[in-house]
Amino acid sequence: ISVAAIDLSGHGGSPRKAAPHTLGDYVADVLSAVRASGGKPVLCGHSMGGAVAAQLALENPDAIGGLILLGSGARLRVLPAIFDQLAADFAAAVKSFPAFAFGPAATPEARQKYVDLMLRADPAVTIEDFRICDSFDIIPRLGEITLRTLVIGAEKDNLTPLKYSQFLQSGIPGARLEILPGAGHISMLECPALIAPLVRDFIAMK
């Protein structure tokens, strides 16, 4: 299996191409990468990445071969207090996030890695990302997603609660739901050994 991790505009090694970013900018980033792959890859997105993946699936279903939505939802509202905290003291806000972004069994190393990655990001881009999440809502269109879909939810997710994943599974025709026991929102760092086989097996299915 070939795997590619995409840095959206203004993230990781990708230069910022828009200010402010919109969901459409990110969908265009991913669609460009998908088309460059020369195939029809399975698209996996976590949280806001799930919003990007789902929106692409609605707009360009023929471009991809499947959809994996991890710790995401059909609507991703953000508490106003989070915006206030990020604007007042970005570093302090980020350092407080692991308390509610991880499950109770997450290792200190996973929590610190998350903080380190967040602190490397441009604060303005991070705040834009939260605003994109806050305005995202495809509840009326869930039934239009026709791609085979795997939904992965985390039992102890405080940011996109398990009911969000259950709602995705019930609204997307034929979608399958897998639940990560005891895990929180940043499940990729918390329990990668549970997620990897689910993704691998879904990709292998025809």
C-alpha atoms as a PDB file:
ATOM      1  CA  ILE A   1       0.000   0.000   0.000  1.00  0.00           C
ATOM      2  CA  SER A   2       1.315   3.451  -0.926  1.00  0.00           C
ATOM      3  CA  VAL A   3       0.581   6.245   1.540  1.00  0.00           C
ATOM      4  CA  ALA A   4       0.859  10.018   1.101  1.00  0.00           C
ATOM      5  CA  ALA A   5       0.366  12.623   3.839  1.00  0.00           C
ATOM      6  CA  ILE A   6      -0.751  15.984   2.487  1.00  0.00           C
ATOM      7  CA  ASP A   7       0.331  19.320   3.984  1.00  0.00           C
ATOM      8  CA  LEU A   8      -2.497  21.764   3.347  1.00  0.00           C
ATOM      9  CA  SER A   9      -1.766  25.372   2.415  1.00  0.00           C
ATOM     10  CA  GLY A  10       0.074  27.036   5.303  1.00  0.00           C
ATOM     11  CA  HIS A  11       0.677  23.720   7.092  1.00  0.00           C
ATOM     12  CA  GLY A  12       3.887  21.738   7.440  1.00  0.00           C
ATOM     13  CA  GLY A  13       6.067  22.276   4.396  1.00  0.00           C
ATOM     14  CA  SER A  14       3.380  23.891   2.227  1.00  0.00           C
ATOM     15  CA  PRO A  15       3.486  27.676   1.698  1.00  0.00           C
ATOM     16  CA  ARG A  16       0.432  29.717   2.529  1.00  0.00           C
ATOM     17  CA  LYS A  17      -1.587  30.377  -0.636  1.00  0.00           C
ATOM     18  CA  ALA A  18      -4.572  32.236   0.797  1.00  0.00           C
ATOM     19  CA  ALA A  19      -5.388  34.555   3.674  1.00  0.00           C
ATOM     20  CA  PRO A  20      -7.712  33.728   5.222  1.00  0.00           C
ATOM     21  CA  HIS A  21      -8.059  30.090   4.224  1.00  0.00           C
ATOM     22  CA  THR A  22     -11.428  28.610   3.355  1.00  0.00           C
ATOM     23  CA  LEU A  23     -12.639  25.034   3.266  1.00  0.00           C
ATOM     24  CA  GLY A  24     -12.633  25.358  -0.505  1.00  0.00           C
ATOM     25  CA  ASP A  25      -8.911  26.190  -0.503  1.00  0.00           C
ATOM     26  CA  TYR A  26      -8.158  22.996   1.377  1.00  0.00           C
ATOM     27  CA  VAL A  27     -10.420  20.884  -0.825  1.00  0.00           C
ATOM     28  CA  ALA A  28      -8.555  22.261  -3.859  1.00  0.00           C
ATOM     29  CA  ASP A  29      -5.211  21.356  -2.239  1.00  0.00           C
ATOM     30  CA  VAL A  30      -6.296  17.769  -1.680  1.00  0.00           C
ATOM     31  CA  LEU A  31      -7.956  17.408  -5.076  1.00  0.00           C
ATOM     32  CA  SER A  32      -4.749  18.577  -6.752  1.00  0.00           C
ATOM     33  CA  ALA A  33      -2.761  15.966  -4.830  1.00  0.00           C
ATOM     34  CA  VAL A  34      -5.309  13.269  -5.649  1.00  0.00           C
ATOM     35  CA  ARG A  35      -5.159  14.031  -9.353  1.00  0.00           C
ATOM     36  CA  ALA A  36      -1.356  14.083  -9.267  1.00  0.00           C
ATOM     37  CA  SER A  37      -1.393  10.554  -7.822  1.00  0.00           C
ATOM     38  CA  GLY A  38      -2.642   9.184 -11.118  1.00  0.00           C
ATOM     39  CA  GLY A  39      -5.175   6.928  -9.418  1.00  0.00           C
ATOM     40  CA  LYS A  40      -8.281   6.957  -7.250  1.00  0.00           C
ATOM     41  CA  PRO A  41      -6.924   6.770  -3.708  1.00  0.00           C
ATOM     42  CA  VAL A  42      -8.845   6.191  -0.530  1.00  0.00           C
ATOM     43  CA  LEU A  43      -8.966   9.518   1.293  1.00  0.00           C
ATOM     44  CA  CYS A  44      -8.558   9.589   5.077  1.00  0.00           C
ATOM     45  CA  GLY A  45      -9.163  12.733   7.132  1.00  0.00           C
ATOM     46  CA  HIS A  46      -9.107  13.440  10.857  1.00  0.00           C
ATOM     47  CA  SER A  47     -11.278  16.134  12.474  1.00  0.00           C
ATOM     48  CA  MET A  48     -11.083  19.149  10.100  1.00  0.00           C
ATOM     49  CA  GLY A  49      -9.349  16.821   7.651  1.00  0.00           C
ATOM     50  CA  GLY A  50     -12.492  14.733   7.718  1.00  0.00           C
ATOM     51  CA  ALA A  51     -14.498  17.812   6.795  1.00  0.00           C
ATOM     52  CA  VAL A  52     -12.153  18.420   3.850  1.00  0.00           C
ATOM     53  CA  ALA A  53     -12.383  14.776   2.767  1.00  0.00           C
ATOM     54  CA  ALA A  54     -16.185  14.680   3.060  1.00  0.00           C
ATOM     55  CA  GLN A  55     -16.577  17.929   1.112  1.00  0.00           C
ATOM     56  CA  LEU A  56     -14.322  16.593  -1.641  1.00  0.00           C
ATOM     57  CA  ALA A  57     -16.375  13.385  -1.716  1.00  0.00           C
ATOM     58  CA  LEU A  58     -19.518  15.462  -2.255  1.00  0.00           C
ATOM     59  CA  GLU A  59     -18.002  17.647  -4.972  1.00  0.00           C
ATOM     60  CA  ASN A  60     -15.748  15.177  -6.802  1.00  0.00           C
ATOM     61  CA  PRO A  61     -16.821  11.625  -5.927  1.00  0.00           C
ATOM     62  CA  ASP A  62     -15.276  10.169  -9.074  1.00  0.00           C
ATOM     63  CA  ALA A  63     -11.808  11.355  -8.024  1.00  0.00           C
ATOM     64  CA  ILE A  64     -11.409   9.002  -5.071  1.00  0.00           C
ATOM     65  CA  GLY A  65     -11.957   5.338  -4.354  1.00  0.00           C
ATOM     66  CA  GLY A  66     -13.179   5.521  -0.786  1.00  0.00           C
ATOM     67  CA  LEU A  67     -13.489   7.634   2.327  1.00  0.00           C
ATOM     68  CA  ILE A  68     -12.228   7.234   5.905  1.00  0.00           C
ATOM     69  CA  LEU A  69     -13.499   9.744   8.469  1.00  0.00           C
ATOM     70  CA  LEU A  70     -11.552   9.655  11.737  1.00  0.00           C
ATOM     71  CA  GLY A  71     -12.707  11.613  14.774  1.00  0.00           C
ATOM     72  CA  SER A  72     -14.798  13.900  12.613  1.00  0.00           C
ATOM     73  CA  GLY A  73     -18.414  14.902  12.113  1.00  0.00           C
ATOM     74  CA  ALA A  74     -21.053  16.270   9.767  1.00  0.00           C
ATOM     75  CA  ARG A  75     -20.974  19.487  11.800  1.00  0.00           C
ATOM     76  CA  LEU A  76     -17.972  20.705  13.821  1.00  0.00           C
ATOM     77  CA  ARG A  77     -18.964  23.572  16.087  1.00  0.00           C
ATOM     78  CA  VAL A  78     -16.222  25.078  18.267  1.00  0.00           C
ATOM     79  CA  LEU A  79     -16.753  26.526  21.744  1.00  0.00           C
ATOM     80  CA  PRO A  80     -16.372  30.346  21.729  1.00  0.00           C
ATOM     81  CA  ALA A  81     -14.056  30.012  24.739  1.00  0.00           C
ATOM     82  CA  ILE A  82     -11.497  28.240  22.557  1.00  0.00           C
ATOM     83  CA  PHE A  83     -11.283  31.236  20.222  1.00  0.00           C
ATOM     84  CA  ASP A  84     -10.935  33.539  23.214  1.00  0.00           C
ATOM     85  CA  GLN A  85      -8.126  31.445  24.696  1.00  0.00           C
ATOM     86  CA  LEU A  86      -6.221  31.198  21.407  1.00  0.00           C
ATOM     87  CA  ALA A  87      -6.461  34.946  20.827  1.00  0.00           C
ATOM     88  CA  ALA A  88      -5.417  35.833  24.381  1.00  0.00           C
ATOM     89  CA  ASP A  89      -2.409  33.511  24.704  1.00  0.00           C
ATOM     90  CA  PHE A  90      -1.888  31.003  21.896  1.00  0.00           C
ATOM     91  CA  ALA A  91       0.925  29.055  23.587  1.00  0.00           C
ATOM     92  CA  ALA A  92      -0.916  28.753  26.897  1.00  0.00           C
ATOM     93  CA  ALA A  93      -4.086  27.617  25.127  1.00  0.00           C
ATOM     94  CA  VAL A  94      -2.235  24.950  23.161  1.00  0.00           C
ATOM     95  CA  LYS A  95      -0.523  23.661  26.307  1.00  0.00           C
ATOM     96  CA  SER A  96      -3.951  23.260  27.922  1.00  0.00           C
ATOM     97  CA  PHE A  97      -5.429  21.259  25.022  1.00  0.00           C
ATOM     98  CA  PRO A  98      -4.073  17.778  25.929  1.00  0.00           C
ATOM     99  CA  ALA A  99      -6.264  17.753  29.039  1.00  0.00           C
ATOM    100  CA  PHE A 100      -9.352  17.341  26.863  1.00  0.00           C
ATOM    101  CA  ALA A 101      -7.854  16.225  23.508  1.00  0.00           C
ATOM    102  CA  PHE A 102      -6.636  12.831  24.749  1.00  0.00           C
ATOM    103  CA  GLY A 103      -8.129   9.836  26.487  1.00  0.00           C
ATOM    104  CA  PRO A 104      -7.158   9.044  30.074  1.00  0.00           C
ATOM    105  CA  ALA A 105      -4.596   6.393  29.073  1.00  0.00           C
ATOM    106  CA  ALA A 106      -2.623   8.565  26.626  1.00  0.00           C
ATOM    107  CA  THR A 107       1.112   8.647  27.312  1.00  0.00           C
ATOM    108  CA  PRO A 108       2.928  11.834  28.345  1.00  0.00           C
ATOM    109  CA  GLU A 109       5.030  11.448  25.190  1.00  0.00           C
ATOM    110  CA  ALA A 110       1.954  11.522  22.942  1.00  0.00           C
ATOM    111  CA  ARG A 111       0.594  14.575  24.743  1.00  0.00           C
ATOM    112  CA  GLN A 112       3.899  16.429  24.452  1.00  0.00           C
ATOM    113  CA  LYS A 113       4.282  15.566  20.761  1.00  0.00           C
ATOM    114  CA  TYR A 114       0.860  17.051  20.097  1.00  0.00           C
ATOM    115  CA  VAL A 115       1.773  20.274  21.914  1.00  0.00           C
ATOM    116  CA  ASP A 116       5.086  20.525  20.074  1.00  0.00           C
ATOM    117  CA  LEU A 117       3.390  20.100  16.688  1.00  0.00           C
ATOM    118  CA  MET A 118       0.718  22.673  17.517  1.00  0.00           C
ATOM    119  CA  LEU A 119       3.283  25.231  18.681  1.00  0.00           C
ATOM    120  CA  ARG A 120       5.141  24.922  15.372  1.00  0.00           C
ATOM    121  CA  ALA A 121       2.029  26.066  13.503  1.00  0.00           C
ATOM    122  CA  ASP A 122       1.222  29.651  12.538  1.00  0.00           C
ATOM    123  CA  PRO A 123      -1.294  30.813  15.176  1.00  0.00           C
ATOM    124  CA  ALA A 124      -3.306  32.701  12.552  1.00  0.00           C
ATOM    125  CA  VAL A 125      -3.658  29.547  10.450  1.00  0.00           C
ATOM    126  CA  THR A 126      -4.683  27.482  13.458  1.00  0.00           C
ATOM    127  CA  ILE A 127      -7.373  29.992  14.388  1.00  0.00           C
ATOM    128  CA  GLU A 128      -8.589  29.993  10.775  1.00  0.00           C
ATOM    129  CA  ASP A 129      -8.806  26.203  10.934  1.00  0.00           C
ATOM    130  CA  PHE A 130     -10.995  26.362  14.014  1.00  0.00           C
ATOM    131  CA  ARG A 131     -13.230  28.895  12.232  1.00  0.00           C
ATOM    132  CA  ILE A 132     -13.505  26.581   9.221  1.00  0.00           C
ATOM    133  CA  CYS A 133     -14.571  23.795  11.569  1.00  0.00           C
ATOM    134  CA  ASP A 134     -17.082  26.044  13.314  1.00  0.00           C
ATOM    135  CA  SER A 135     -18.836  26.911  10.042  1.00  0.00           C
ATOM    136  CA  PHE A 136     -18.763  23.375   8.612  1.00  0.00           C
ATOM    137  CA  ASP A 137     -22.156  21.687   8.274  1.00  0.00           C
ATOM    138  CA  ILE A 138     -23.065  18.997   5.734  1.00  0.00           C
ATOM    139  CA  ILE A 139     -25.853  17.381   7.755  1.00  0.00           C
ATOM    140  CA  PRO A 140     -28.450  17.983   4.997  1.00  0.00           C
ATOM    141  CA  ARG A 141     -26.130  16.387   2.401  1.00  0.00           C
ATOM    142  CA  LEU A 142     -24.830  13.301   4.192  1.00  0.00           C
ATOM    143  CA  GLY A 143     -27.041  10.987   2.167  1.00  0.00           C
ATOM    144  CA  GLU A 144     -25.421  12.261  -1.032  1.00  0.00           C
ATOM    145  CA  ILE A 145     -22.089  10.615  -0.166  1.00  0.00           C
ATOM    146  CA  THR A 146     -22.102   7.462  -2.267  1.00  0.00           C
ATOM    147  CA  LEU A 147     -18.509   6.309  -1.794  1.00  0.00           C
ATOM    148  CA  ARG A 148     -17.738   3.332   0.394  1.00  0.00           C
ATOM    149  CA  THR A 149     -16.974   4.849   3.775  1.00  0.00           C
ATOM    150  CA  LEU A 150     -15.320   3.820   7.013  1.00  0.00           C
ATOM    151  CA  VAL A 151     -16.056   5.944  10.071  1.00  0.00           C
ATOM    152  CA  ILE A 152     -13.669   5.617  13.030  1.00  0.00           C
ATOM    153  CA  GLY A 153     -14.786   7.127  16.311  1.00  0.00           C
ATOM    154  CA  ALA A 154     -13.044   7.288  19.686  1.00  0.00           C
ATOM    155  CA  GLU A 155     -14.869   6.253  22.844  1.00  0.00           C
ATOM    156  CA  LYS A 156     -13.472   9.090  24.987  1.00  0.00           C
ATOM    157  CA  ASP A 157     -13.372  11.865  22.376  1.00  0.00           C
ATOM    158  CA  ASN A 158     -14.358  15.145  24.060  1.00  0.00           C
ATOM    159  CA  LEU A 159     -13.989  17.328  20.942  1.00  0.00           C
ATOM    160  CA  THR A 160     -15.869  15.276  18.357  1.00  0.00           C
ATOM    161  CA  PRO A 161     -17.842  12.950  20.644  1.00  0.00           C
ATOM    162  CA  LEU A 162     -18.581   9.390  19.592  1.00  0.00           C
ATOM    163  CA  LYS A 163     -22.155  10.384  18.770  1.00  0.00           C
ATOM    164  CA  TYR A 164     -20.726  12.445  15.875  1.00  0.00           C
ATOM    165  CA  SER A 165     -19.228   9.314  14.347  1.00  0.00           C
ATOM    166  CA  GLN A 166     -22.418   7.370  14.971  1.00  0.00           C
ATOM    167  CA  PHE A 167     -24.371  10.100  13.189  1.00  0.00           C
ATOM    168  CA  LEU A 168     -21.999   9.936  10.198  1.00  0.00           C
ATOM    169  CA  GLN A 169     -22.413   6.176  10.016  1.00  0.00           C
ATOM    170  CA  SER A 170     -26.204   6.411  10.160  1.00  0.00           C
ATOM    171  CA  GLY A 171     -26.364   9.170   7.541  1.00  0.00           C
ATOM    172  CA  ILE A 172     -23.922   7.875   4.907  1.00  0.00           C
ATOM    173  CA  PRO A 173     -25.414   4.954   2.985  1.00  0.00           C
ATOM    174  CA  GLY A 174     -23.524   1.727   3.660  1.00  0.00           C
ATOM    175  CA  ALA A 175     -20.951   3.332   5.975  1.00  0.00           C
ATOM    176  CA  ARG A 176     -19.226   1.143   8.566  1.00  0.00           C
ATOM    177  CA  LEU A 177     -18.337   2.319  12.079  1.00  0.00           C
ATOM    178  CA  GLU A 178     -15.350   1.199  14.143  1.00  0.00           C
ATOM    179  CA  ILE A 179     -14.863   2.430  17.721  1.00  0.00           C
ATOM    180  CA  LEU A 180     -11.482   2.947  19.407  1.00  0.00           C
ATOM    181  CA  PRO A 181     -11.951   1.900  23.057  1.00  0.00           C
ATOM    182  CA  GLY A 182     -10.685   4.382  25.638  1.00  0.00           C
ATOM    183  CA  ALA A 183      -9.176   6.730  23.047  1.00  0.00           C
ATOM    184  CA  GLY A 184      -9.573  10.494  22.789  1.00  0.00           C
ATOM    185  CA  HIS A 185      -9.616  12.942  19.908  1.00  0.00           C
ATOM    186  CA  ILE A 186      -5.919  12.783  18.963  1.00  0.00           C
ATOM    187  CA  SER A 187      -6.172   9.051  18.432  1.00  0.00           C
ATOM    188  CA  MET A 188      -3.468   8.980  15.719  1.00  0.00           C
ATOM    189  CA  LEU A 189      -0.875   9.721  18.423  1.00  0.00           C
ATOM    190  CA  GLU A 190      -2.674   7.838  21.167  1.00  0.00           C
ATOM    191  CA  CYS A 191      -3.374   4.464  19.522  1.00  0.00           C
ATOM    192  CA  PRO A 192      -1.869   4.237  16.009  1.00  0.00           C
ATOM    193  CA  ALA A 193      -1.594   0.452  16.351  1.00  0.00           C
ATOM    194  CA  LEU A 194      -5.401   0.228  16.532  1.00  0.00           C
ATOM    195  CA  ILE A 195      -6.047   2.598  13.634  1.00  0.00           C
ATOM    196  CA  ALA A 196      -3.491   1.277  11.133  1.00  0.00           C
ATOM    197  CA  PRO A 197      -5.046  -2.192  10.610  1.00  0.00           C
ATOM    198  CA  LEU A 198      -8.526  -0.694  10.250  1.00  0.00           C
ATOM    199  CA  VAL A 199      -7.253   1.624   7.518  1.00  0.00           C
ATOM    200  CA  ARG A 200      -5.188  -1.088   5.840  1.00  0.00           C
ATOM    201  CA  ASP A 201      -8.054  -3.591   5.774  1.00  0.00           C
ATOM    202  CA  PHE A 202     -10.507  -1.011   4.431  1.00  0.00           C
ATOM    203  CA  ILE A 203      -8.122  -0.043   1.635  1.00  0.00           C
ATOM    204  CA  ALA A 204      -7.632  -3.713   0.745  1.00  0.00           C
ATOM    205  CA  MET A 205     -11.385  -4.285   0.418  1.00  0.00           C
ATOM    206  CA  LYS A 206     -12.931  -3.996  -3.021  1.00  0.00           C
END
